[in-house]
Amino acid sequence: MKGKFGVPAIIAQRESRSYIGENMSESTARIDGIIGPPSIGLSDSLNTRWHKAALQILLVIVLFHWAEHIVQAYQAFVLHWPRSMSMGILGMYYPWLMKTEVLHYGFALVMLIGLWVLRKGFTGTSHTWWMVAFWIQFWHHFEHFILFYQAQTHHFRFGGKVPTSIGQIWIPRIELHLIYNALVFIPMVVAMYYHVYPPAGETVKATCSCAHHHDPVKSAA
């Protein structure tokens, strides 16, 4: 009777439960070791461990966009080509990219998305300058969307016989978009500088490994 229902039986049941519990804990630890810690989302990764690489990729795209506009200006102002034939680098080989407005609308859209997605990696002064660049690019993108829409529908606005944006009412297109790109690029560079070299006394730490002499933080702001 005592073996079945007495104190020895109760002790045996407790030991059995303890053994099972220990085995389950060991199994869970092994599974966690194989799977690893829970992964963070793409947005958080882009603003923490991948922020530096993502910024470098975005900067390459921006510089290539600059090259397109500089070559276009060189063709128009130095070589004295007709403005309609001054199509930049890719436009010389693939004129349809310019005639359909796909090329520069694509650049504007990618830059806008990049500025928005990577904003969380910036803090303090750098974040302020980065958002200035974003909002200017938002308008720049809107101007390109107007051009893109007109090129697809052939419904030209503002009295033009070709796609015409709002800013072109006052400033010719080549000059206008050089200005737009400069207005976006300058605060973007300032933001990157303050991101890499934060001002002294800035209390909010960056969430990535871009900044010099900072304590690494694991999660995005």
N, C-alpha and C. Protein backbone atom coordinates (compact mmCIF):
# COMPACT_ATOMS: atom_id res chain seq x y z
N MET A 1 0.84 -1.21 0.00
CA MET A 1 0.00 0.00 0.00
C MET A 1 0.86 1.25 0.00
N LYS A 2 1.88 1.23 0.84
CA LYS A 2 2.73 2.41 0.90
C LYS A 2 3.48 2.60 -0.41
N GLY A 3 3.82 1.48 -1.08
CA GLY A 3 4.54 1.60 -2.35
C GLY A 3 3.70 2.26 -3.41
N LYS A 4 2.33 2.07 -3.33
CA LYS A 4 1.46 2.62 -4.36
C LYS A 4 0.94 4.00 -4.00
N PHE A 5 0.49 4.13 -2.74
CA PHE A 5 -0.22 5.36 -2.39
C PHE A 5 0.43 6.16 -1.27
N GLY A 6 1.46 5.65 -0.67
CA GLY A 6 2.06 6.34 0.46
C GLY A 6 3.10 7.37 0.06
N VAL A 7 3.93 7.76 1.04
CA VAL A 7 4.95 8.80 0.83
C VAL A 7 5.95 8.41 -0.24
N PRO A 8 6.43 7.17 -0.27
CA PRO A 8 7.39 6.80 -1.33
C PRO A 8 6.85 7.03 -2.73
N ALA A 9 5.54 6.74 -2.92
CA ALA A 9 4.93 6.93 -4.24
C ALA A 9 4.91 8.40 -4.62
N ILE A 10 4.60 9.27 -3.68
CA ILE A 10 4.55 10.72 -3.94
C ILE A 10 5.93 11.23 -4.30
N ILE A 11 6.96 10.76 -3.56
CA ILE A 11 8.34 11.16 -3.84
C ILE A 11 8.75 10.72 -5.24
N ALA A 12 8.36 9.50 -5.59
CA ALA A 12 8.71 8.97 -6.91
C ALA A 12 8.07 9.80 -8.02
N GLN A 13 6.80 10.23 -7.82
CA GLN A 13 6.12 11.05 -8.82
C GLN A 13 6.81 12.40 -8.98
N ARG A 14 7.23 13.00 -7.86
CA ARG A 14 7.90 14.30 -7.92
C ARG A 14 9.24 14.20 -8.66
N GLU A 15 9.99 13.11 -8.36
CA GLU A 15 11.28 12.91 -9.03
C GLU A 15 11.09 12.73 -10.53
N SER A 16 10.00 11.99 -10.90
CA SER A 16 9.71 11.76 -12.31
C SER A 16 9.40 13.07 -13.03
N ARG A 17 8.57 13.92 -12.38
CA ARG A 17 8.21 15.21 -12.97
C ARG A 17 9.44 16.12 -13.10
N SER A 18 10.31 16.07 -12.09
CA SER A 18 11.54 16.88 -12.13
C SER A 18 12.44 16.44 -13.27
N TYR A 19 12.53 15.12 -13.46
CA TYR A 19 13.37 14.58 -14.53
C TYR A 19 12.84 15.00 -15.90
N ILE A 20 11.51 14.91 -16.06
CA ILE A 20 10.88 15.30 -17.33
C ILE A 20 11.10 16.79 -17.60
N GLY A 21 10.94 17.59 -16.53
CA GLY A 21 11.13 19.04 -16.68
C GLY A 21 12.54 19.40 -17.08
N GLU A 22 13.52 18.72 -16.49
CA GLU A 22 14.92 18.99 -16.83
C GLU A 22 15.20 18.63 -18.29
N ASN A 23 14.63 17.49 -18.74
CA ASN A 23 14.84 17.07 -20.12
C ASN A 23 14.24 18.07 -21.10
N MET A 24 13.04 18.60 -20.75
CA MET A 24 12.39 19.57 -21.62
C MET A 24 13.20 20.86 -21.69
N SER A 25 13.77 21.28 -20.56
CA SER A 25 14.58 22.49 -20.53
C SER A 25 15.83 22.33 -21.39
N GLU A 26 16.46 21.13 -21.28
CA GLU A 26 17.65 20.86 -22.07
C GLU A 26 17.31 20.84 -23.56
N SER A 27 16.15 20.25 -23.93
CA SER A 27 15.74 20.18 -25.33
C SER A 27 15.48 21.57 -25.88
N THR A 28 14.80 22.40 -25.06
CA THR A 28 14.52 23.78 -25.49
C THR A 28 15.80 24.55 -25.70
N ALA A 29 16.78 24.38 -24.81
CA ALA A 29 18.06 25.08 -24.95
C ALA A 29 18.79 24.66 -26.21
N ARG A 30 18.71 23.34 -26.52
CA ARG A 30 19.36 22.84 -27.74
C ARG A 30 18.72 23.42 -28.98
N ILE A 31 17.37 23.49 -28.99
CA ILE A 31 16.64 24.04 -30.14
C ILE A 31 16.99 25.51 -30.33
N ASP A 32 17.03 26.28 -29.22
CA ASP A 32 17.39 27.70 -29.30
C ASP A 32 18.80 27.88 -29.83
N GLY A 33 19.68 26.94 -29.44
CA GLY A 33 21.06 27.03 -29.91
C GLY A 33 21.17 26.79 -31.40
N ILE A 34 20.30 25.90 -31.93
CA ILE A 34 20.31 25.61 -33.36
C ILE A 34 19.68 26.74 -34.15
N ILE A 35 18.50 27.19 -33.70
CA ILE A 35 17.76 28.22 -34.44
C ILE A 35 18.39 29.58 -34.28
N GLY A 36 18.90 29.89 -33.10
CA GLY A 36 19.48 31.20 -32.81
C GLY A 36 18.43 32.16 -32.31
N PRO A 37 18.81 33.39 -31.96
CA PRO A 37 17.88 34.38 -31.44
C PRO A 37 16.90 34.82 -32.51
N PRO A 38 15.72 35.32 -32.12
CA PRO A 38 14.73 35.77 -33.11
C PRO A 38 15.32 36.87 -33.99
N SER A 39 15.07 36.78 -35.30
CA SER A 39 15.61 37.76 -36.24
C SER A 39 14.77 39.02 -36.23
N ILE A 40 15.46 40.18 -36.48
CA ILE A 40 14.73 41.44 -36.54
C ILE A 40 14.29 41.70 -37.96
N GLY A 41 13.34 42.62 -38.14
CA GLY A 41 12.78 42.90 -39.44
C GLY A 41 13.77 43.57 -40.38
N LEU A 42 13.38 43.63 -41.65
CA LEU A 42 14.24 44.23 -42.67
C LEU A 42 14.49 45.70 -42.39
N SER A 43 13.43 46.43 -42.01
CA SER A 43 13.59 47.86 -41.73
C SER A 43 14.58 48.10 -40.60
N ASP A 44 14.46 47.31 -39.51
CA ASP A 44 15.39 47.46 -38.40
C ASP A 44 16.82 47.10 -38.81
N SER A 45 16.96 46.05 -39.63
CA SER A 45 18.30 45.65 -40.09
C SER A 45 18.94 46.75 -40.93
N LEU A 46 18.13 47.37 -41.80
CA LEU A 46 18.65 48.44 -42.67
C LEU A 46 19.07 49.67 -41.87
N ASN A 47 18.52 49.81 -40.67
CA ASN A 47 18.85 50.98 -39.85
C ASN A 47 19.80 50.66 -38.71
N THR A 48 20.28 49.41 -38.66
CA THR A 48 21.25 49.03 -37.62
C THR A 48 22.47 48.38 -38.28
N ARG A 49 22.47 47.07 -38.38
CA ARG A 49 23.69 46.37 -38.84
C ARG A 49 23.98 46.60 -40.32
N TRP A 50 22.94 46.90 -41.13
CA TRP A 50 23.16 47.11 -42.57
C TRP A 50 23.10 48.59 -42.95
N HIS A 51 23.01 49.47 -41.98
CA HIS A 51 22.81 50.89 -42.29
C HIS A 51 23.96 51.47 -43.12
N LYS A 52 25.17 51.16 -42.73
CA LYS A 52 26.34 51.69 -43.44
C LYS A 52 26.36 51.23 -44.90
N ALA A 53 26.12 49.95 -45.12
CA ALA A 53 26.12 49.41 -46.48
C ALA A 53 24.97 50.00 -47.30
N ALA A 54 23.80 50.14 -46.67
CA ALA A 54 22.64 50.71 -47.37
C ALA A 54 22.89 52.16 -47.76
N LEU A 55 23.52 52.93 -46.87
CA LEU A 55 23.85 54.32 -47.19
C LEU A 55 24.85 54.40 -48.34
N GLN A 56 25.81 53.50 -48.36
CA GLN A 56 26.80 53.49 -49.43
C GLN A 56 26.15 53.18 -50.78
N ILE A 57 25.21 52.24 -50.79
CA ILE A 57 24.50 51.91 -52.02
C ILE A 57 23.67 53.11 -52.49
N LEU A 58 22.96 53.73 -51.55
CA LEU A 58 22.15 54.90 -51.90
C LEU A 58 23.04 56.02 -52.44
N LEU A 59 24.20 56.23 -51.84
CA LEU A 59 25.11 57.28 -52.28
C LEU A 59 25.62 57.00 -53.70
N VAL A 60 25.89 55.75 -54.02
CA VAL A 60 26.32 55.39 -55.38
C VAL A 60 25.22 55.74 -56.38
N ILE A 61 23.98 55.43 -56.04
CA ILE A 61 22.85 55.75 -56.93
C ILE A 61 22.73 57.26 -57.12
N VAL A 62 22.86 58.00 -56.02
CA VAL A 62 22.77 59.46 -56.09
C VAL A 62 23.89 60.05 -56.96
N LEU A 63 25.10 59.54 -56.80
CA LEU A 63 26.23 60.04 -57.58
C LEU A 63 26.08 59.71 -59.06
N PHE A 64 25.53 58.54 -59.36
CA PHE A 64 25.29 58.20 -60.77
C PHE A 64 24.22 59.12 -61.35
N HIS A 65 23.21 59.44 -60.55
CA HIS A 65 22.18 60.38 -60.98
C HIS A 65 22.80 61.75 -61.26
N TRP A 66 23.72 62.17 -60.38
CA TRP A 66 24.44 63.42 -60.59
C TRP A 66 25.21 63.37 -61.92
N ALA A 67 25.85 62.26 -62.18
CA ALA A 67 26.63 62.11 -63.42
C ALA A 67 25.74 62.29 -64.64
N GLU A 68 24.53 61.75 -64.57
CA GLU A 68 23.57 61.91 -65.68
C GLU A 68 23.29 63.40 -65.93
N HIS A 69 23.03 64.14 -64.87
CA HIS A 69 22.68 65.56 -65.02
C HIS A 69 23.89 66.39 -65.45
N ILE A 70 25.07 66.07 -64.93
CA ILE A 70 26.27 66.82 -65.30
C ILE A 70 26.60 66.61 -66.77
N VAL A 71 26.52 65.36 -67.24
CA VAL A 71 26.76 65.07 -68.65
C VAL A 71 25.72 65.76 -69.52
N GLN A 72 24.48 65.76 -69.08
CA GLN A 72 23.42 66.44 -69.81
C GLN A 72 23.72 67.94 -69.93
N ALA A 73 24.14 68.55 -68.83
CA ALA A 73 24.49 69.97 -68.85
C ALA A 73 25.70 70.22 -69.75
N TYR A 74 26.68 69.32 -69.73
CA TYR A 74 27.87 69.45 -70.59
C TYR A 74 27.46 69.40 -72.06
N GLN A 75 26.57 68.49 -72.38
CA GLN A 75 26.10 68.37 -73.76
C GLN A 75 25.41 69.64 -74.23
N ALA A 76 24.62 70.24 -73.35
CA ALA A 76 23.83 71.41 -73.72
C ALA A 76 24.66 72.69 -73.72
N PHE A 77 25.51 72.90 -72.70
CA PHE A 77 26.18 74.19 -72.52
C PHE A 77 27.59 74.25 -73.08
N VAL A 78 28.26 73.09 -73.19
CA VAL A 78 29.63 73.07 -73.70
C VAL A 78 29.66 72.60 -75.15
N LEU A 79 28.98 71.50 -75.42
CA LEU A 79 28.94 70.98 -76.78
C LEU A 79 27.89 71.68 -77.64
N HIS A 80 27.01 72.42 -76.98
CA HIS A 80 25.95 73.18 -77.66
C HIS A 80 25.01 72.28 -78.47
N TRP A 81 24.74 71.10 -77.93
CA TRP A 81 23.74 70.25 -78.55
C TRP A 81 22.35 70.84 -78.29
N PRO A 82 21.39 70.55 -79.16
CA PRO A 82 20.01 70.96 -78.85
C PRO A 82 19.56 70.34 -77.53
N ARG A 83 18.79 71.08 -76.76
CA ARG A 83 18.36 70.57 -75.44
C ARG A 83 17.63 69.23 -75.57
N SER A 84 16.87 69.10 -76.63
CA SER A 84 16.11 67.84 -76.81
C SER A 84 17.03 66.66 -77.07
N MET A 85 18.26 66.92 -77.51
CA MET A 85 19.22 65.84 -77.78
C MET A 85 20.21 65.65 -76.64
N SER A 86 20.17 66.54 -75.66
CA SER A 86 21.07 66.43 -74.50
C SER A 86 20.44 65.49 -73.48
N MET A 87 20.75 64.22 -73.59
CA MET A 87 20.04 63.19 -72.83
C MET A 87 20.89 62.51 -71.76
N GLY A 88 22.09 63.02 -71.50
CA GLY A 88 22.91 62.39 -70.48
C GLY A 88 23.59 61.13 -70.97
N ILE A 89 23.99 60.27 -70.03
CA ILE A 89 24.77 59.07 -70.36
C ILE A 89 23.88 57.98 -70.95
N LEU A 90 22.96 57.48 -70.14
CA LEU A 90 22.10 56.39 -70.61
C LEU A 90 21.18 56.82 -71.73
N GLY A 91 20.77 58.10 -71.68
CA GLY A 91 19.85 58.60 -72.71
C GLY A 91 20.46 58.60 -74.10
N MET A 92 21.79 58.69 -74.20
CA MET A 92 22.44 58.64 -75.51
C MET A 92 22.28 57.27 -76.16
N TYR A 93 22.31 56.23 -75.32
CA TYR A 93 22.22 54.87 -75.85
C TYR A 93 20.80 54.32 -75.83
N TYR A 94 20.01 54.82 -74.91
CA TYR A 94 18.61 54.36 -74.80
C TYR A 94 17.70 55.59 -74.72
N PRO A 95 17.46 56.25 -75.86
CA PRO A 95 16.68 57.50 -75.84
C PRO A 95 15.28 57.34 -75.25
N TRP A 96 14.71 56.15 -75.34
CA TRP A 96 13.35 55.95 -74.83
C TRP A 96 13.28 56.16 -73.32
N LEU A 97 14.41 55.97 -72.62
CA LEU A 97 14.43 56.19 -71.17
C LEU A 97 14.14 57.65 -70.84
N MET A 98 14.62 58.55 -71.70
CA MET A 98 14.38 59.98 -71.49
C MET A 98 13.02 60.39 -72.04
N LYS A 99 12.66 59.87 -73.20
CA LYS A 99 11.41 60.28 -73.84
C LYS A 99 10.19 59.82 -73.04
N THR A 100 10.32 58.71 -72.34
CA THR A 100 9.21 58.21 -71.52
C THR A 100 9.30 58.69 -70.08
N GLU A 101 10.37 59.40 -69.74
CA GLU A 101 10.62 59.92 -68.38
C GLU A 101 10.87 58.82 -67.35
N VAL A 102 11.10 57.60 -67.83
CA VAL A 102 11.32 56.46 -66.93
C VAL A 102 12.61 56.62 -66.14
N LEU A 103 13.67 57.09 -66.80
CA LEU A 103 14.99 57.15 -66.18
C LEU A 103 15.00 58.05 -64.94
N HIS A 104 14.65 59.31 -65.12
CA HIS A 104 14.77 60.23 -64.00
C HIS A 104 13.64 60.08 -62.99
N TYR A 105 12.48 59.61 -63.44
CA TYR A 105 11.44 59.30 -62.44
C TYR A 105 11.88 58.13 -61.56
N GLY A 106 12.52 57.14 -62.19
CA GLY A 106 13.03 56.00 -61.43
C GLY A 106 14.08 56.43 -60.41
N PHE A 107 15.00 57.29 -60.82
CA PHE A 107 16.00 57.82 -59.89
C PHE A 107 15.32 58.55 -58.73
N ALA A 108 14.36 59.42 -59.06
CA ALA A 108 13.69 60.21 -58.03
C ALA A 108 12.94 59.33 -57.04
N LEU A 109 12.30 58.28 -57.55
CA LEU A 109 11.54 57.38 -56.69
C LEU A 109 12.45 56.57 -55.77
N VAL A 110 13.54 56.04 -56.32
CA VAL A 110 14.49 55.27 -55.52
C VAL A 110 15.11 56.14 -54.43
N MET A 111 15.46 57.37 -54.78
CA MET A 111 16.03 58.28 -53.77
C MET A 111 15.03 58.58 -52.67
N LEU A 112 13.78 58.81 -53.04
CA LEU A 112 12.75 59.12 -52.05
C LEU A 112 12.56 57.94 -51.09
N ILE A 113 12.47 56.74 -51.63
CA ILE A 113 12.30 55.54 -50.81
C ILE A 113 13.52 55.35 -49.90
N GLY A 114 14.72 55.52 -50.47
CA GLY A 114 15.93 55.36 -49.68
C GLY A 114 16.02 56.34 -48.53
N LEU A 115 15.69 57.59 -48.78
CA LEU A 115 15.72 58.60 -47.74
C LEU A 115 14.73 58.28 -46.63
N TRP A 116 13.57 57.77 -47.00
CA TRP A 116 12.54 57.46 -46.00
C TRP A 116 12.90 56.21 -45.20
N VAL A 117 13.30 55.15 -45.87
CA VAL A 117 13.57 53.88 -45.21
C VAL A 117 14.76 53.99 -44.25
N LEU A 118 15.77 54.74 -44.62
CA LEU A 118 17.01 54.81 -43.82
C LEU A 118 16.98 55.93 -42.78
N ARG A 119 15.86 56.60 -42.62
CA ARG A 119 15.79 57.75 -41.70
C ARG A 119 15.97 57.35 -40.24
N LYS A 120 15.51 56.13 -39.86
CA LYS A 120 15.55 55.73 -38.45
C LYS A 120 16.96 55.54 -37.93
N GLY A 121 17.91 55.34 -38.82
CA GLY A 121 19.29 55.18 -38.39
C GLY A 121 19.93 56.49 -37.98
N PHE A 122 19.28 57.61 -38.31
CA PHE A 122 19.83 58.93 -37.98
C PHE A 122 19.20 59.44 -36.69
N THR A 123 19.98 60.19 -35.93
CA THR A 123 19.50 60.75 -34.67
C THR A 123 19.97 62.18 -34.54
N GLY A 124 19.29 62.95 -33.71
CA GLY A 124 19.73 64.30 -33.39
C GLY A 124 19.88 65.20 -34.60
N THR A 125 21.04 65.87 -34.68
CA THR A 125 21.31 66.83 -35.76
C THR A 125 21.28 66.16 -37.12
N SER A 126 21.86 64.97 -37.22
CA SER A 126 21.89 64.27 -38.52
C SER A 126 20.49 63.92 -39.00
N HIS A 127 19.60 63.57 -38.08
CA HIS A 127 18.23 63.24 -38.45
C HIS A 127 17.51 64.48 -39.00
N THR A 128 17.75 65.63 -38.38
CA THR A 128 17.13 66.87 -38.85
C THR A 128 17.53 67.17 -40.29
N TRP A 129 18.81 67.10 -40.57
CA TRP A 129 19.29 67.38 -41.93
C TRP A 129 18.80 66.32 -42.92
N TRP A 130 18.75 65.07 -42.48
CA TRP A 130 18.28 63.99 -43.37
C TRP A 130 16.82 64.21 -43.77
N MET A 131 16.00 64.65 -42.83
CA MET A 131 14.59 64.88 -43.13
C MET A 131 14.40 66.13 -44.00
N VAL A 132 15.30 67.10 -43.87
CA VAL A 132 15.26 68.25 -44.80
C VAL A 132 15.48 67.75 -46.23
N ALA A 133 16.47 66.87 -46.41
CA ALA A 133 16.73 66.29 -47.73
C ALA A 133 15.52 65.49 -48.21
N PHE A 134 14.88 64.74 -47.29
CA PHE A 134 13.72 63.93 -47.67
C PHE A 134 12.58 64.81 -48.20
N TRP A 135 12.25 65.88 -47.49
CA TRP A 135 11.10 66.69 -47.90
C TRP A 135 11.37 67.45 -49.20
N ILE A 136 12.61 67.86 -49.43
CA ILE A 136 12.94 68.47 -50.72
C ILE A 136 12.83 67.44 -51.83
N GLN A 137 13.31 66.22 -51.54
CA GLN A 137 13.21 65.15 -52.53
C GLN A 137 11.76 64.77 -52.78
N PHE A 138 10.91 64.89 -51.76
CA PHE A 138 9.48 64.61 -51.94
C PHE A 138 8.90 65.52 -53.02
N TRP A 139 9.24 66.81 -52.97
CA TRP A 139 8.77 67.74 -54.00
C TRP A 139 9.43 67.43 -55.34
N HIS A 140 10.74 67.14 -55.32
CA HIS A 140 11.46 66.80 -56.54
C HIS A 140 10.81 65.58 -57.22
N HIS A 141 10.48 64.57 -56.41
CA HIS A 141 9.81 63.39 -56.94
C HIS A 141 8.45 63.75 -57.53
N PHE A 142 7.70 64.64 -56.88
CA PHE A 142 6.40 65.06 -57.38
C PHE A 142 6.54 65.72 -58.75
N GLU A 143 7.57 66.55 -58.90
CA GLU A 143 7.82 67.19 -60.20
C GLU A 143 8.09 66.14 -61.28
N HIS A 144 8.88 65.13 -60.93
CA HIS A 144 9.16 64.07 -61.90
C HIS A 144 7.92 63.23 -62.19
N PHE A 145 7.06 63.05 -61.20
CA PHE A 145 5.83 62.32 -61.43
C PHE A 145 4.94 63.06 -62.44
N ILE A 146 4.90 64.39 -62.32
CA ILE A 146 4.13 65.18 -63.29
C ILE A 146 4.66 64.96 -64.70
N LEU A 147 5.99 64.97 -64.83
CA LEU A 147 6.61 64.73 -66.14
C LEU A 147 6.32 63.31 -66.64
N PHE A 148 6.44 62.34 -65.75
CA PHE A 148 6.20 60.94 -66.11
C PHE A 148 4.75 60.74 -66.56
N TYR A 149 3.81 61.32 -65.84
CA TYR A 149 2.39 61.20 -66.19
C TYR A 149 2.12 61.80 -67.56
N GLN A 150 2.68 62.97 -67.82
CA GLN A 150 2.44 63.62 -69.11
C GLN A 150 3.05 62.82 -70.26
N ALA A 151 4.23 62.22 -70.02
CA ALA A 151 4.89 61.43 -71.06
C ALA A 151 4.08 60.18 -71.40
N GLN A 152 3.40 59.62 -70.42
CA GLN A 152 2.61 58.41 -70.68
C GLN A 152 1.27 58.73 -71.33
N THR A 153 0.67 59.85 -70.96
CA THR A 153 -0.68 60.19 -71.45
C THR A 153 -0.67 61.14 -72.64
N HIS A 154 0.48 61.82 -72.86
CA HIS A 154 0.61 62.83 -73.91
C HIS A 154 -0.35 64.00 -73.71
N HIS A 155 -0.75 64.23 -72.48
CA HIS A 155 -1.53 65.40 -72.12
C HIS A 155 -0.59 66.39 -71.43
N PHE A 156 -0.05 67.32 -72.18
CA PHE A 156 0.97 68.23 -71.67
C PHE A 156 0.32 69.41 -70.96
N ARG A 157 0.97 69.85 -69.90
CA ARG A 157 0.43 70.91 -69.05
C ARG A 157 1.26 72.19 -69.15
N PHE A 158 0.71 73.24 -68.59
CA PHE A 158 1.39 74.53 -68.45
C PHE A 158 1.83 75.10 -69.80
N GLY A 159 1.05 74.80 -70.82
CA GLY A 159 1.31 75.38 -72.14
C GLY A 159 2.47 74.77 -72.90
N GLY A 160 2.99 73.65 -72.43
CA GLY A 160 4.14 73.04 -73.08
C GLY A 160 3.75 72.06 -74.18
N LYS A 161 4.67 71.86 -75.12
CA LYS A 161 4.47 70.87 -76.19
C LYS A 161 5.19 69.57 -75.86
N VAL A 162 5.86 69.57 -74.73
CA VAL A 162 6.54 68.38 -74.21
C VAL A 162 6.20 68.32 -72.72
N PRO A 163 6.50 67.21 -72.04
CA PRO A 163 6.25 67.15 -70.60
C PRO A 163 6.88 68.34 -69.87
N THR A 164 6.08 69.01 -69.06
CA THR A 164 6.52 70.24 -68.39
C THR A 164 6.08 70.18 -66.93
N SER A 165 7.02 70.48 -66.02
CA SER A 165 6.70 70.47 -64.60
C SER A 165 6.39 71.88 -64.12
N ILE A 166 5.99 72.00 -62.87
CA ILE A 166 5.63 73.30 -62.31
C ILE A 166 6.82 74.25 -62.30
N GLY A 167 7.96 73.76 -61.85
CA GLY A 167 9.15 74.61 -61.78
C GLY A 167 9.60 75.13 -63.12
N GLN A 168 9.28 74.41 -64.19
CA GLN A 168 9.69 74.83 -65.53
C GLN A 168 8.93 76.06 -66.02
N ILE A 169 7.90 76.44 -65.30
CA ILE A 169 7.21 77.69 -65.64
C ILE A 169 8.17 78.86 -65.53
N TRP A 170 9.13 78.76 -64.58
CA TRP A 170 10.07 79.85 -64.32
C TRP A 170 11.50 79.55 -64.73
N ILE A 171 11.91 78.26 -64.63
CA ILE A 171 13.31 77.90 -64.86
C ILE A 171 13.37 76.78 -65.90
N PRO A 172 14.25 76.88 -66.92
CA PRO A 172 14.39 75.79 -67.91
C PRO A 172 14.74 74.47 -67.23
N ARG A 173 14.37 73.39 -67.88
CA ARG A 173 14.42 72.07 -67.24
C ARG A 173 15.82 71.65 -66.79
N ILE A 174 16.82 71.77 -67.64
CA ILE A 174 18.15 71.30 -67.27
C ILE A 174 18.66 72.03 -66.04
N GLU A 175 18.53 73.37 -66.05
CA GLU A 175 18.97 74.15 -64.91
C GLU A 175 18.14 73.84 -63.66
N LEU A 176 16.83 73.68 -63.86
CA LEU A 176 15.93 73.43 -62.73
C LEU A 176 16.32 72.17 -61.98
N HIS A 177 16.59 71.09 -62.71
CA HIS A 177 16.86 69.82 -62.03
C HIS A 177 18.28 69.75 -61.48
N LEU A 178 19.19 70.56 -62.02
CA LEU A 178 20.49 70.71 -61.36
C LEU A 178 20.29 71.36 -59.99
N ILE A 179 19.41 72.36 -59.94
CA ILE A 179 19.11 73.04 -58.67
C ILE A 179 18.43 72.08 -57.70
N TYR A 180 17.43 71.34 -58.18
CA TYR A 180 16.73 70.38 -57.32
C TYR A 180 17.70 69.38 -56.71
N ASN A 181 18.56 68.82 -57.55
CA ASN A 181 19.47 67.79 -57.05
C ASN A 181 20.48 68.37 -56.07
N ALA A 182 20.91 69.61 -56.30
CA ALA A 182 21.83 70.25 -55.35
C ALA A 182 21.13 70.49 -54.01
N LEU A 183 19.85 70.92 -54.07
CA LEU A 183 19.11 71.19 -52.84
C LEU A 183 18.87 69.92 -52.02
N VAL A 184 18.80 68.78 -52.68
CA VAL A 184 18.65 67.51 -51.97
C VAL A 184 20.01 67.00 -51.48
N PHE A 185 21.01 67.13 -52.33
CA PHE A 185 22.32 66.53 -52.04
C PHE A 185 23.03 67.23 -50.87
N ILE A 186 22.94 68.55 -50.80
CA ILE A 186 23.66 69.29 -49.76
C ILE A 186 23.22 68.87 -48.35
N PRO A 187 21.92 68.93 -48.01
CA PRO A 187 21.54 68.48 -46.66
C PRO A 187 21.77 66.99 -46.43
N MET A 188 21.73 66.21 -47.50
CA MET A 188 22.00 64.78 -47.37
C MET A 188 23.45 64.55 -46.94
N VAL A 189 24.38 65.28 -47.54
CA VAL A 189 25.80 65.16 -47.19
C VAL A 189 26.04 65.67 -45.77
N VAL A 190 25.40 66.79 -45.42
CA VAL A 190 25.53 67.32 -44.06
C VAL A 190 25.03 66.30 -43.05
N ALA A 191 23.89 65.66 -43.37
CA ALA A 191 23.34 64.63 -42.47
C ALA A 191 24.31 63.48 -42.30
N MET A 192 24.92 63.03 -43.39
CA MET A 192 25.87 61.93 -43.30
C MET A 192 27.10 62.31 -42.48
N TYR A 193 27.55 63.56 -42.63
CA TYR A 193 28.71 64.02 -41.86
C TYR A 193 28.41 63.98 -40.36
N TYR A 194 27.27 64.55 -39.97
CA TYR A 194 26.91 64.56 -38.55
C TYR A 194 26.55 63.17 -38.04
N HIS A 195 26.18 62.29 -38.96
CA HIS A 195 25.90 60.91 -38.58
C HIS A 195 27.19 60.17 -38.24
N VAL A 196 28.22 60.41 -39.04
CA VAL A 196 29.52 59.75 -38.82
C VAL A 196 30.29 60.44 -37.71
N TYR A 197 30.18 61.77 -37.64
CA TYR A 197 30.87 62.55 -36.61
C TYR A 197 29.83 63.36 -35.81
N PRO A 198 29.14 62.72 -34.86
CA PRO A 198 28.09 63.41 -34.11
C PRO A 198 28.65 64.60 -33.34
N PRO A 199 27.87 65.69 -33.25
CA PRO A 199 28.32 66.86 -32.48
C PRO A 199 28.57 66.49 -31.02
N ALA A 200 29.52 67.15 -30.40
CA ALA A 200 29.82 66.90 -29.00
C ALA A 200 28.62 67.25 -28.13
N GLY A 201 28.33 66.39 -27.19
CA GLY A 201 27.22 66.63 -26.28
C GLY A 201 25.90 66.08 -26.76
N GLU A 202 25.86 65.46 -27.92
CA GLU A 202 24.61 64.87 -28.41
C GLU A 202 24.33 63.61 -27.62
N THR A 203 23.19 63.58 -26.96
CA THR A 203 22.91 62.49 -26.01
C THR A 203 22.33 61.26 -26.68
N VAL A 204 21.60 61.42 -27.77
CA VAL A 204 20.97 60.28 -28.44
C VAL A 204 22.01 59.57 -29.29
N LYS A 205 22.22 58.29 -29.03
CA LYS A 205 23.24 57.53 -29.74
C LYS A 205 22.68 56.95 -31.03
N ALA A 206 23.55 56.81 -32.02
CA ALA A 206 23.16 56.19 -33.29
C ALA A 206 22.86 54.72 -33.07
N THR A 207 22.01 54.16 -33.91
CA THR A 207 21.60 52.76 -33.77
C THR A 207 22.37 51.83 -34.70
N CYS A 208 23.44 52.34 -35.29
CA CYS A 208 24.19 51.54 -36.25
C CYS A 208 25.69 51.69 -35.96
N SER A 209 26.51 51.15 -36.82
CA SER A 209 27.96 51.19 -36.62
C SER A 209 28.63 52.26 -37.47
N CYS A 210 27.85 53.20 -38.00
CA CYS A 210 28.41 54.23 -38.88
C CYS A 210 29.26 55.24 -38.12
N ALA A 211 28.77 55.67 -36.96
CA ALA A 211 29.41 56.77 -36.23
C ALA A 211 30.75 56.35 -35.65
N HIS A 212 31.67 57.28 -35.61
CA HIS A 212 32.97 57.05 -34.98
C HIS A 212 32.85 57.29 -33.47
N HIS A 213 33.50 56.44 -32.69
CA HIS A 213 33.56 56.61 -31.23
C HIS A 213 32.17 56.65 -30.60
N HIS A 214 31.40 55.59 -30.78
CA HIS A 214 30.09 55.54 -30.15
C HIS A 214 29.87 54.17 -29.56
N ASP A 215 28.94 54.07 -28.64
CA ASP A 215 28.59 52.78 -28.03
C ASP A 215 27.57 52.10 -28.91
N PRO A 216 27.82 50.87 -29.39
CA PRO A 216 26.88 50.20 -30.28
C PRO A 216 25.56 49.93 -29.59
N VAL A 217 24.49 50.10 -30.33
CA VAL A 217 23.13 49.83 -29.86
C VAL A 217 22.52 48.79 -30.78
N LYS A 218 21.77 47.87 -30.22
CA LYS A 218 21.27 46.75 -30.99
C LYS A 218 19.97 47.03 -31.73
N SER A 219 19.11 47.85 -31.18
CA SER A 219 17.80 48.04 -31.79
C SER A 219 17.68 49.40 -32.42
N ALA A 220 16.77 49.51 -33.42
CA ALA A 220 16.55 50.78 -34.10
C ALA A 220 15.75 51.71 -33.24
N ALA A 221 15.87 53.03 -33.52
CA ALA A 221 15.13 54.03 -32.75
C ALA A 221 13.68 53.97 -33.12
